[in-house]
Protein backbone atom coordinates (compact mmCIF):
# COMPACT_ATOMS: atom_id res chain seq x y z
CA MET A 1 0.00 0.00 0.00
CA ARG A 2 2.82 2.41 0.88
CA LEU A 3 4.54 1.73 -2.43
CA ASN A 4 1.46 2.83 -4.41
CA SER A 5 1.04 6.07 -2.44
CA THR A 6 4.75 6.90 -2.94
CA ARG A 7 4.45 6.32 -6.69
CA ALA A 8 1.26 8.37 -6.81
CA GLY A 9 3.03 11.19 -4.96
CA ILE A 10 5.91 11.03 -7.41
CA VAL A 11 3.57 11.19 -10.39
CA VAL A 12 1.68 14.15 -8.91
CA LEU A 13 4.97 15.96 -8.15
CA LEU A 14 6.24 15.38 -11.70
CA LEU A 15 2.96 16.56 -13.24
CA PHE A 16 2.84 19.65 -11.05
CA THR A 17 6.47 20.54 -11.83
CA THR A 18 5.95 20.02 -15.57
CA VAL A 19 2.81 22.17 -15.61
CA PHE A 20 4.59 24.86 -13.57
CA VAL A 21 7.58 25.01 -15.92
CA VAL A 22 5.49 24.93 -19.11
CA ALA A 23 2.72 27.29 -17.97
CA MET A 24 4.93 29.97 -16.45
CA PRO A 25 7.62 30.77 -19.02
CA ALA A 26 9.60 33.97 -18.60
CA ARG A 27 9.85 36.35 -21.50
CA ALA A 28 13.15 37.42 -22.92
CA ASP A 29 13.96 41.10 -22.63
CA GLU A 30 11.26 43.01 -24.43
CA VAL A 31 11.51 46.67 -25.19
CA ASP A 32 8.11 48.27 -25.56
CA GLY A 33 7.11 51.77 -26.47
CA ASN A 34 4.13 54.05 -26.15
CA THR A 35 2.98 57.33 -27.62
CA PHE A 36 1.19 60.15 -25.86
CA THR A 37 -0.48 63.44 -26.67
CA VAL A 38 -0.59 66.35 -24.23
CA THR A 39 -3.36 68.93 -24.62
CA VAL A 40 -2.74 72.02 -22.49
CA THR A 41 -6.01 73.16 -20.92
CA THR A 42 -4.98 76.13 -18.73
CA GLY A 43 -2.29 78.80 -18.51
CA PRO A 44 -0.28 80.67 -21.13
CA GLU A 45 0.14 77.56 -23.32
CA MET A 46 -3.62 76.79 -23.28
CA GLY A 47 -4.67 75.13 -26.52
CA ASP A 48 -1.18 73.88 -27.39
CA VAL A 49 -0.86 70.20 -28.26
CA PHE A 50 2.42 68.31 -27.86
CA THR A 51 3.22 64.72 -28.75
CA GLY A 52 5.84 62.30 -27.56
CA THR A 53 7.04 58.72 -27.36
CA TYR A 54 8.96 56.68 -24.82
CA SER A 55 10.33 53.16 -24.48
CA PHE A 56 10.84 50.85 -21.50
CA ASP A 57 11.64 47.22 -20.62
CA GLU A 58 8.27 45.44 -20.48
CA THR A 59 9.66 42.45 -18.59
CA VAL A 60 10.48 44.62 -15.58
CA VAL A 61 7.11 46.42 -15.64
CA GLY A 62 5.41 43.02 -15.90
CA MET A 63 6.94 42.10 -12.54
CA GLY A 64 5.32 45.15 -10.92
CA LEU A 65 8.51 47.16 -10.43
CA PHE A 66 9.77 50.58 -11.36
CA THR A 67 11.62 50.50 -14.63
CA PRO A 68 13.65 53.30 -16.15
CA VAL A 69 12.53 54.96 -19.34
CA LEU A 70 14.97 53.89 -22.07
CA SER A 71 14.18 56.64 -24.57
CA PHE A 72 11.98 59.73 -24.52
CA SER A 73 11.04 62.30 -27.14
CA PHE A 74 8.65 65.22 -26.71
CA SER A 75 7.63 68.06 -29.03
CA ASP A 76 7.34 70.70 -26.27
CA PRO A 77 9.83 73.48 -27.18
CA ALA A 78 11.14 73.52 -23.57
CA TYR A 79 12.40 69.95 -24.11
CA SER A 80 13.98 70.68 -27.51
CA GLY A 81 17.45 69.18 -27.86
CA GLN A 82 17.33 67.32 -24.53
CA THR A 83 18.17 63.65 -23.99
CA LEU A 84 17.69 61.25 -21.09
CA ALA A 85 21.29 62.00 -20.07
CA SER A 86 20.35 65.62 -19.31
CA ALA A 87 20.84 66.75 -15.72
CA ALA A 88 17.46 68.51 -16.01
CA ILE A 89 15.62 65.17 -15.97
CA LEU A 90 14.89 64.36 -12.35
CA GLN A 91 12.55 61.38 -12.89
CA ALA A 92 11.94 59.06 -15.83
CA THR A 93 10.24 55.84 -14.75
CA VAL A 94 7.34 53.60 -15.69
CA VAL A 95 5.47 51.99 -12.78
CA LEU A 96 3.23 48.89 -13.01
CA PHE A 97 1.48 49.76 -16.29
CA PRO A 98 2.84 50.90 -19.67
CA ASP A 99 0.96 54.21 -19.52
CA ASN A 100 1.95 55.02 -15.95
CA ILE A 101 4.99 57.13 -16.75
CA GLY A 102 6.44 59.64 -14.33
CA PHE A 103 8.65 62.21 -16.05
CA LEU A 104 9.97 65.32 -14.29
CA PHE A 105 11.97 67.91 -16.25
CA GLU A 106 13.48 71.10 -14.77
CA PRO A 107 15.79 72.82 -17.24
CA GLY A 108 17.51 75.43 -15.11
CA SER A 109 17.81 77.10 -11.78
CA GLU A 110 15.60 79.46 -9.79
CA PHE A 111 12.76 81.15 -11.72
CA THR A 112 13.48 79.31 -14.96
CA ASP A 113 10.53 78.64 -17.24
CA GLY A 114 10.03 75.32 -19.00
CA SER A 115 9.68 72.86 -16.12
CA PHE A 116 7.11 70.13 -16.61
CA PHE A 117 5.86 66.92 -15.03
CA ILE A 118 4.07 64.11 -16.85
CA ASP A 119 1.96 62.09 -14.44
CA GLY A 120 0.69 58.96 -16.16
CA PHE A 121 -1.18 57.80 -13.07
CA ASP A 122 -3.53 60.80 -13.19
CA SER A 123 -3.05 61.44 -16.94
CA THR A 124 -2.07 65.03 -16.18
CA PHE A 125 0.61 67.36 -17.46
CA HIS A 126 1.88 70.20 -15.26
CA TYR A 127 4.14 72.94 -16.56
CA GLY A 128 5.57 76.01 -14.95
CA THR A 129 8.41 78.00 -13.48
CA GLU A 130 11.00 76.53 -11.14
CA LEU A 131 10.78 78.31 -7.78
CA SER A 132 14.02 77.26 -6.18
CA ASP A 133 17.02 75.02 -6.56
CA ASN A 134 15.14 72.25 -4.70
CA PRO A 135 14.53 69.49 -7.24
CA GLY A 136 10.88 68.77 -7.91
CA PHE A 137 9.40 72.10 -6.86
CA PHE A 138 7.99 74.48 -9.44
CA LEU A 139 5.04 76.85 -9.73
CA ASP A 140 2.30 75.53 -12.00
CA ASP A 141 1.64 77.97 -14.82
CA GLY A 142 -0.92 75.55 -16.22
CA VAL A 143 -2.01 71.98 -16.64
CA GLY A 144 -3.11 69.68 -19.40
CA THR A 145 -4.45 66.24 -20.10
CA ILE A 146 -2.58 63.25 -21.47
CA ALA A 147 -3.95 60.67 -23.88
CA PHE A 148 -1.83 57.54 -24.23
CA GLY A 149 -1.65 55.41 -27.34
CA THR A 150 -1.58 51.64 -27.45
CA PRO A 151 1.76 50.21 -26.26
CA PHE A 152 3.77 48.59 -29.04
CA VAL A 153 6.71 46.16 -29.15
CA ILE A 154 10.00 47.58 -30.38
CA SER A 155 12.13 44.45 -29.90
CA GLY A 156 11.73 41.04 -28.27
CA GLY A 157 8.17 39.97 -27.66
CA ALA A 158 6.24 37.22 -29.43
CA GLY A 159 8.13 34.02 -29.94
CA THR A 160 10.73 34.79 -27.28
CA ASN A 161 9.22 32.76 -24.45
CA MET A 162 11.71 30.58 -22.65
CA PRO A 163 11.70 28.62 -19.41
CA GLU A 164 12.74 30.67 -16.42
CA PRO A 165 16.17 29.49 -15.19
CA SER A 166 15.08 29.31 -11.55
CA SER A 167 12.15 27.06 -12.52
CA LEU A 168 14.50 24.70 -14.30
CA LEU A 169 16.82 24.70 -11.28
CA LEU A 170 13.85 23.91 -9.03
CA LEU A 171 12.79 21.08 -11.33
CA GLY A 172 16.33 19.66 -11.34
CA CYS A 173 16.63 19.78 -7.54
CA GLY A 174 13.26 18.09 -7.16
CA LEU A 175 14.19 15.32 -9.56
CA LEU A 176 17.54 14.77 -7.80
CA ALA A 177 15.81 14.56 -4.43
CA LEU A 178 13.23 12.18 -5.87
CA ALA A 179 15.95 9.95 -7.37
CA GLY A 180 17.81 9.91 -4.03
CA ARG A 181 14.66 8.95 -2.16
CA ILE A 182 13.84 6.16 -4.59
CA ARG A 183 17.40 4.81 -4.39
CA LEU A 184 17.41 4.82 -0.55
CA ARG A 185 14.06 3.03 -0.38
CA GLY A 186 15.04 0.53 -3.05
CA VAL A 187 11.88 1.12 -5.03
């Protein structure tokens, strides 16, 4: 009787491990992008429309973590000629969802115009004048709304599924333990 329950346990363990490894593959690095349109609704730039794009690593966002923005372009004249390496960029991250970007840009020092913050969580755009040398503080001259496009794959993606290395390691350890147990019991 004990022999049958041990074999049944082994079969269940093998089936569970196989289903786990097959059903939960990890994706290879996937760079995704998104587009957005900002429509300024208040302040001196009211009525202006700006567009932009950004890219990020989808595999990190898929795990529910902050991920850095890999590229960013924006048609607002205040951002003209800037890159992600600019010291004026104080935040450039995507959190949890592809359209939840946080992007803070402050181009100068005290009382410099052209600061803006893109808040994907609230789909709002704030622009204004930097009040002090404290990063992240500026006077709103106006706000706008953000409409996000549909995220798109730049590289990686479909057809790049592969077993997660830790799952394979877990499977191997389980099989080694199972083989050792069978050998000790003489089954």
